Amino acid sequence: MSNYSSDKNVHVIVHGQKQLFESIKSKLSTIGFNTEQMILADMNKPGNQGDYVAMLWPPMAPKEIIISQIIDLEGTNGRGMGAWASVNQKELERIPLS
């Protein structure tokens, strides 16, 4: 079992490949995340401090899921686009898609 908090939201970034969302949810549930807390990431509204981020990587031909935790929302080194550009994250784990 994992050390992930089951009461935190998991913002899933699929880079426009929404057809993969359900399979990603299934994969994440096997490592301890609560499927009820998984939501598609919104470009206009980032998550909250302490929430998790599960991002397909690389964007065009994903081979893995990068799991991170939001450490603050006022950073200048965010790796995302839109509202996510000011989100600083700490990478926790990488899991293969297959």
N, C-alpha and C. Protein backbone atom coordinates (compact mmCIF):
# COMPACT_ATOMS: atom_id res chain seq x y z
N MET A 1 0.85 -1.18 0.00
CA MET A 1 0.00 0.00 0.00
C MET A 1 0.89 1.24 0.00
N SER A 2 0.33 2.35 -0.39
CA SER A 2 1.10 3.58 -0.52
C SER A 2 0.97 4.46 0.71
N ASN A 3 1.73 5.53 0.71
CA ASN A 3 1.68 6.51 1.78
C ASN A 3 0.87 7.73 1.36
N TYR A 4 0.08 7.62 0.33
CA TYR A 4 -0.70 8.75 -0.17
C TYR A 4 -1.96 8.96 0.67
N SER A 5 -2.27 10.21 0.92
CA SER A 5 -3.47 10.57 1.67
C SER A 5 -4.70 10.40 0.79
N SER A 6 -5.66 9.63 1.25
CA SER A 6 -6.84 9.34 0.44
C SER A 6 -7.86 10.48 0.45
N ASP A 7 -7.62 11.51 1.26
CA ASP A 7 -8.59 12.62 1.30
C ASP A 7 -8.15 13.82 0.48
N LYS A 8 -7.03 13.73 -0.21
CA LYS A 8 -6.53 14.82 -1.05
C LYS A 8 -6.97 14.59 -2.50
N ASN A 9 -7.27 15.69 -3.20
CA ASN A 9 -7.60 15.59 -4.62
C ASN A 9 -6.38 15.19 -5.42
N VAL A 10 -6.62 14.50 -6.51
CA VAL A 10 -5.58 14.13 -7.46
C VAL A 10 -5.97 14.77 -8.78
N HIS A 11 -5.20 15.76 -9.22
CA HIS A 11 -5.46 16.46 -10.47
C HIS A 11 -4.72 15.72 -11.57
N VAL A 12 -5.47 15.14 -12.49
CA VAL A 12 -4.89 14.31 -13.54
C VAL A 12 -4.71 15.15 -14.80
N ILE A 13 -3.47 15.27 -15.25
CA ILE A 13 -3.14 16.02 -16.45
C ILE A 13 -2.92 15.03 -17.58
N VAL A 14 -3.81 15.07 -18.58
CA VAL A 14 -3.75 14.11 -19.69
C VAL A 14 -3.34 14.76 -21.01
N HIS A 15 -2.99 16.04 -20.99
CA HIS A 15 -2.52 16.76 -22.17
C HIS A 15 -3.49 16.60 -23.35
N GLY A 16 -4.77 16.77 -23.08
CA GLY A 16 -5.78 16.70 -24.13
C GLY A 16 -6.23 15.30 -24.52
N GLN A 17 -5.65 14.29 -23.94
CA GLN A 17 -5.98 12.90 -24.27
C GLN A 17 -6.99 12.36 -23.25
N LYS A 18 -8.17 12.96 -23.26
CA LYS A 18 -9.19 12.62 -22.26
C LYS A 18 -9.63 11.16 -22.31
N GLN A 19 -9.44 10.51 -23.44
CA GLN A 19 -9.81 9.10 -23.55
C GLN A 19 -8.97 8.22 -22.63
N LEU A 20 -7.85 8.74 -22.13
CA LEU A 20 -6.99 7.97 -21.24
C LEU A 20 -7.34 8.14 -19.76
N PHE A 21 -8.24 9.07 -19.45
CA PHE A 21 -8.55 9.40 -18.06
C PHE A 21 -8.99 8.19 -17.24
N GLU A 22 -9.91 7.40 -17.76
CA GLU A 22 -10.42 6.24 -16.99
C GLU A 22 -9.33 5.20 -16.74
N SER A 23 -8.48 4.96 -17.74
CA SER A 23 -7.41 3.98 -17.54
C SER A 23 -6.37 4.50 -16.55
N ILE A 24 -6.14 5.82 -16.55
CA ILE A 24 -5.22 6.41 -15.58
C ILE A 24 -5.79 6.29 -14.17
N LYS A 25 -7.09 6.55 -14.02
CA LYS A 25 -7.75 6.41 -12.72
C LYS A 25 -7.58 4.99 -12.20
N SER A 26 -7.78 4.03 -13.07
CA SER A 26 -7.65 2.63 -12.66
C SER A 26 -6.22 2.33 -12.20
N LYS A 27 -5.25 2.80 -12.96
CA LYS A 27 -3.84 2.58 -12.62
C LYS A 27 -3.49 3.22 -11.28
N LEU A 28 -3.95 4.46 -11.07
CA LEU A 28 -3.66 5.16 -9.83
C LEU A 28 -4.33 4.51 -8.62
N SER A 29 -5.50 3.94 -8.83
CA SER A 29 -6.19 3.28 -7.71
C SER A 29 -5.42 2.06 -7.22
N THR A 30 -4.67 1.42 -8.11
CA THR A 30 -3.90 0.23 -7.70
C THR A 30 -2.73 0.58 -6.80
N ILE A 31 -2.33 1.88 -6.78
CA ILE A 31 -1.22 2.24 -5.89
C ILE A 31 -1.71 3.03 -4.68
N GLY A 32 -3.04 3.08 -4.47
CA GLY A 32 -3.56 3.62 -3.24
C GLY A 32 -4.33 4.92 -3.31
N PHE A 33 -4.49 5.48 -4.50
CA PHE A 33 -5.28 6.71 -4.61
C PHE A 33 -6.76 6.38 -4.66
N ASN A 34 -7.57 7.28 -4.11
CA ASN A 34 -9.03 7.13 -4.09
C ASN A 34 -9.60 7.67 -5.41
N THR A 35 -10.30 6.83 -6.17
CA THR A 35 -10.84 7.27 -7.46
C THR A 35 -11.86 8.40 -7.30
N GLU A 36 -12.51 8.47 -6.14
CA GLU A 36 -13.48 9.55 -5.88
C GLU A 36 -12.80 10.92 -5.84
N GLN A 37 -11.51 10.94 -5.56
CA GLN A 37 -10.76 12.20 -5.44
C GLN A 37 -10.05 12.59 -6.73
N MET A 38 -10.15 11.80 -7.79
CA MET A 38 -9.45 12.08 -9.04
C MET A 38 -10.30 12.95 -9.95
N ILE A 39 -9.70 14.04 -10.42
CA ILE A 39 -10.39 14.97 -11.31
C ILE A 39 -9.46 15.38 -12.45
N LEU A 40 -10.04 15.67 -13.60
CA LEU A 40 -9.24 16.20 -14.70
C LEU A 40 -8.73 17.58 -14.31
N ALA A 41 -7.47 17.83 -14.54
CA ALA A 41 -6.89 19.13 -14.21
C ALA A 41 -7.53 20.21 -15.08
N ASP A 42 -7.72 21.37 -14.48
CA ASP A 42 -8.32 22.52 -15.15
C ASP A 42 -7.23 23.56 -15.41
N MET A 43 -7.09 24.00 -16.66
CA MET A 43 -6.05 24.98 -17.02
C MET A 43 -6.28 26.33 -16.33
N ASN A 44 -7.50 26.61 -15.93
CA ASN A 44 -7.83 27.91 -15.35
C ASN A 44 -7.83 27.94 -13.82
N LYS A 45 -7.74 26.76 -13.21
CA LYS A 45 -7.81 26.69 -11.75
C LYS A 45 -6.91 25.55 -11.26
N PRO A 46 -5.81 25.91 -10.62
CA PRO A 46 -4.92 24.85 -10.12
C PRO A 46 -5.48 24.21 -8.86
N GLY A 47 -4.85 23.18 -8.43
CA GLY A 47 -5.25 22.53 -7.19
C GLY A 47 -4.82 23.34 -5.99
N ASN A 48 -4.97 22.75 -4.82
CA ASN A 48 -4.61 23.39 -3.56
C ASN A 48 -3.31 22.81 -3.02
N GLN A 49 -2.67 23.57 -2.15
CA GLN A 49 -1.46 23.08 -1.52
C GLN A 49 -1.76 21.75 -0.84
N GLY A 50 -0.91 20.77 -1.05
CA GLY A 50 -1.09 19.44 -0.47
C GLY A 50 -1.76 18.46 -1.42
N ASP A 51 -2.49 18.96 -2.43
CA ASP A 51 -3.11 18.08 -3.41
C ASP A 51 -2.03 17.37 -4.23
N TYR A 52 -2.44 16.30 -4.89
CA TYR A 52 -1.55 15.55 -5.76
C TYR A 52 -1.80 15.91 -7.23
N VAL A 53 -0.78 15.69 -8.03
CA VAL A 53 -0.88 15.86 -9.48
C VAL A 53 -0.36 14.58 -10.11
N ALA A 54 -1.13 14.03 -11.04
CA ALA A 54 -0.70 12.86 -11.79
C ALA A 54 -0.69 13.27 -13.26
N MET A 55 0.50 13.34 -13.85
CA MET A 55 0.65 13.85 -15.20
C MET A 55 1.22 12.79 -16.13
N LEU A 56 0.54 12.62 -17.27
CA LEU A 56 1.08 11.73 -18.29
C LEU A 56 2.36 12.36 -18.85
N TRP A 57 3.37 11.52 -19.11
CA TRP A 57 4.62 12.04 -19.64
C TRP A 57 5.28 11.03 -20.55
N PRO A 58 5.85 11.46 -21.66
CA PRO A 58 5.77 12.78 -22.26
C PRO A 58 4.39 13.04 -22.87
N PRO A 59 4.07 14.30 -23.13
CA PRO A 59 2.71 14.66 -23.55
C PRO A 59 2.18 13.95 -24.80
N MET A 60 2.95 13.87 -25.84
CA MET A 60 2.43 13.35 -27.11
C MET A 60 2.45 11.82 -27.22
N ALA A 61 3.35 11.20 -26.54
CA ALA A 61 3.45 9.73 -26.57
C ALA A 61 3.74 9.25 -25.15
N PRO A 62 2.74 9.33 -24.25
CA PRO A 62 2.99 9.04 -22.84
C PRO A 62 3.45 7.60 -22.58
N LYS A 63 4.46 7.51 -21.72
CA LYS A 63 5.00 6.22 -21.33
C LYS A 63 4.93 6.01 -19.82
N GLU A 64 4.68 7.11 -19.08
CA GLU A 64 4.65 7.01 -17.63
C GLU A 64 3.73 8.07 -17.05
N ILE A 65 3.47 7.92 -15.76
CA ILE A 65 2.70 8.90 -15.00
C ILE A 65 3.63 9.45 -13.94
N ILE A 66 3.78 10.77 -13.93
CA ILE A 66 4.59 11.42 -12.91
C ILE A 66 3.65 11.89 -11.81
N ILE A 67 3.88 11.42 -10.60
CA ILE A 67 3.05 11.80 -9.46
C ILE A 67 3.83 12.82 -8.63
N SER A 68 3.18 13.96 -8.40
CA SER A 68 3.78 15.04 -7.63
C SER A 68 2.79 15.52 -6.58
N GLN A 69 3.30 16.32 -5.65
CA GLN A 69 2.44 16.96 -4.67
C GLN A 69 2.66 18.47 -4.76
N ILE A 70 1.56 19.22 -4.69
CA ILE A 70 1.64 20.67 -4.74
C ILE A 70 2.21 21.17 -3.42
N ILE A 71 3.33 21.91 -3.52
CA ILE A 71 3.94 22.41 -2.29
C ILE A 71 3.62 23.88 -2.04
N ASP A 72 3.38 24.65 -3.10
CA ASP A 72 2.87 26.01 -2.92
C ASP A 72 2.32 26.55 -4.24
N LEU A 73 1.55 27.62 -4.13
CA LEU A 73 0.85 28.17 -5.29
C LEU A 73 1.38 29.53 -5.71
N GLU A 74 2.48 29.95 -5.14
CA GLU A 74 2.99 31.28 -5.43
C GLU A 74 4.41 31.24 -5.96
N GLY A 75 4.74 30.18 -6.62
CA GLY A 75 6.09 30.03 -7.12
C GLY A 75 6.30 30.67 -8.47
N THR A 76 7.54 30.71 -8.86
CA THR A 76 7.90 31.22 -10.18
C THR A 76 8.56 30.13 -11.01
N ASN A 77 8.69 28.96 -10.45
CA ASN A 77 9.35 27.86 -11.14
C ASN A 77 8.38 26.75 -11.52
N GLY A 78 7.10 27.06 -11.61
CA GLY A 78 6.12 26.05 -11.97
C GLY A 78 6.39 25.48 -13.35
N ARG A 79 6.04 24.20 -13.53
CA ARG A 79 6.30 23.53 -14.80
C ARG A 79 5.09 23.50 -15.71
N GLY A 80 3.99 24.07 -15.27
CA GLY A 80 2.76 23.95 -16.03
C GLY A 80 2.44 25.16 -16.88
N MET A 81 1.26 25.09 -17.49
CA MET A 81 0.76 26.19 -18.31
C MET A 81 -0.50 26.74 -17.65
N GLY A 82 -0.91 27.93 -18.08
CA GLY A 82 -2.12 28.54 -17.54
C GLY A 82 -1.97 28.77 -16.05
N ALA A 83 -3.02 28.48 -15.31
CA ALA A 83 -3.01 28.68 -13.86
C ALA A 83 -1.96 27.82 -13.17
N TRP A 84 -1.53 26.76 -13.81
CA TRP A 84 -0.55 25.84 -13.21
C TRP A 84 0.88 26.39 -13.26
N ALA A 85 1.12 27.48 -14.00
CA ALA A 85 2.46 28.03 -14.14
C ALA A 85 3.03 28.52 -12.80
N SER A 86 2.18 28.88 -11.85
CA SER A 86 2.65 29.38 -10.56
C SER A 86 2.62 28.30 -9.47
N VAL A 87 2.41 27.07 -9.87
CA VAL A 87 2.31 25.96 -8.91
C VAL A 87 3.66 25.24 -8.81
N ASN A 88 4.23 25.25 -7.63
CA ASN A 88 5.45 24.48 -7.39
C ASN A 88 5.06 23.10 -6.88
N GLN A 89 5.72 22.09 -7.46
CA GLN A 89 5.40 20.71 -7.12
C GLN A 89 6.67 19.96 -6.74
N LYS A 90 6.48 18.95 -5.92
CA LYS A 90 7.57 18.05 -5.54
C LYS A 90 7.26 16.69 -6.15
N GLU A 91 8.14 16.22 -7.01
CA GLU A 91 7.93 14.90 -7.62
C GLU A 91 8.09 13.82 -6.56
N LEU A 92 7.11 12.88 -6.57
CA LEU A 92 7.10 11.80 -5.59
C LEU A 92 7.43 10.44 -6.19
N GLU A 93 6.95 10.22 -7.41
CA GLU A 93 7.08 8.88 -7.97
C GLU A 93 6.78 8.92 -9.47
N ARG A 94 7.35 7.97 -10.19
CA ARG A 94 7.02 7.76 -11.59
C ARG A 94 6.60 6.31 -11.74
N ILE A 95 5.47 6.11 -12.44
CA ILE A 95 5.02 4.74 -12.66
C ILE A 95 4.79 4.54 -14.15
N PRO A 96 5.17 3.38 -14.68
CA PRO A 96 4.98 3.12 -16.11
C PRO A 96 3.49 2.96 -16.46
N LEU A 97 3.13 3.36 -17.65
CA LEU A 97 1.76 3.19 -18.11
C LEU A 97 1.42 1.74 -18.38
N SER A 98 2.37 1.01 -18.87
CA SER A 98 2.08 -0.40 -19.24
C SER A 98 2.31 -1.35 -18.09
